[in-house]
């Protein structure tokens, strides 16, 4: 189980917050340097009625998300992840299925995992998780709804490796992408201006050394789903309506 708290913060506070955090953390190895992280790219799937979006908006405690995630720039050999993210009130569970981007595209083209050999080195339940992913994908007629992108600076606590602090900047999105557009930068729209998202993730206890920072900058945990923010910025839900079937979205980009 993981716990996750989010804060929407004014961009002008970033340097001061980073300065306060640095003595207590080590930089994630994926960061290019302390002030320049990496790009996160996720294509989210939803039902034709946007049920997962509305579950979040309406505050349903037990909910889930399905996405394919990659980082920075990609090719067919780049490692990506199929992910199922489940939330039970506050605790979070995440199942990841590692594979190359080329393999992921082939899976979506075949619409079957039969005969496919998944990477097993660091995720022993990859095949089981993949079965769950595609069972839901087909069973609920899930389709890619939005590509979400942002730059992330990530840090781990020096005192508890399970504690992870991230600064997510320049949130942006593209509506109705194909899974073959995970690394496509065309048609991108900025989601929020003048703010970044601070996330605090941990397994056991909220880090006490962060509390003075929250007090100094008057930060309060709040709902900050990047998926919902980007859906709203693209006006997808408003344009579709709750009862309208989304017919725009297909697994692959139309040529």
Foldseek 3Di string as FASTA:
>chain_A
DKFKFKWKFFPVCVVVVLVLCVVFWDWDPQQPDQVFHWKKKKFWKAFQLRVQLVCVVVVPQWGKTWIKMAIHAADQAGKIWTKIWIGHNGDIDMAIFIDGLVVVVVCVVVLDCVPPDGDCPPHVCNVVVVVVNSCCCVVRVIFGFKMKMWTKTKIAGPVARQKMKIKTDQIKMAGQAASVCRRPPPPIGGQDPRIIMIMIMGDDDGDPSCVVVCVVRVIDTDDDDSVNSHCVSVCVCVVQDSPHGDPRHDNHDDD
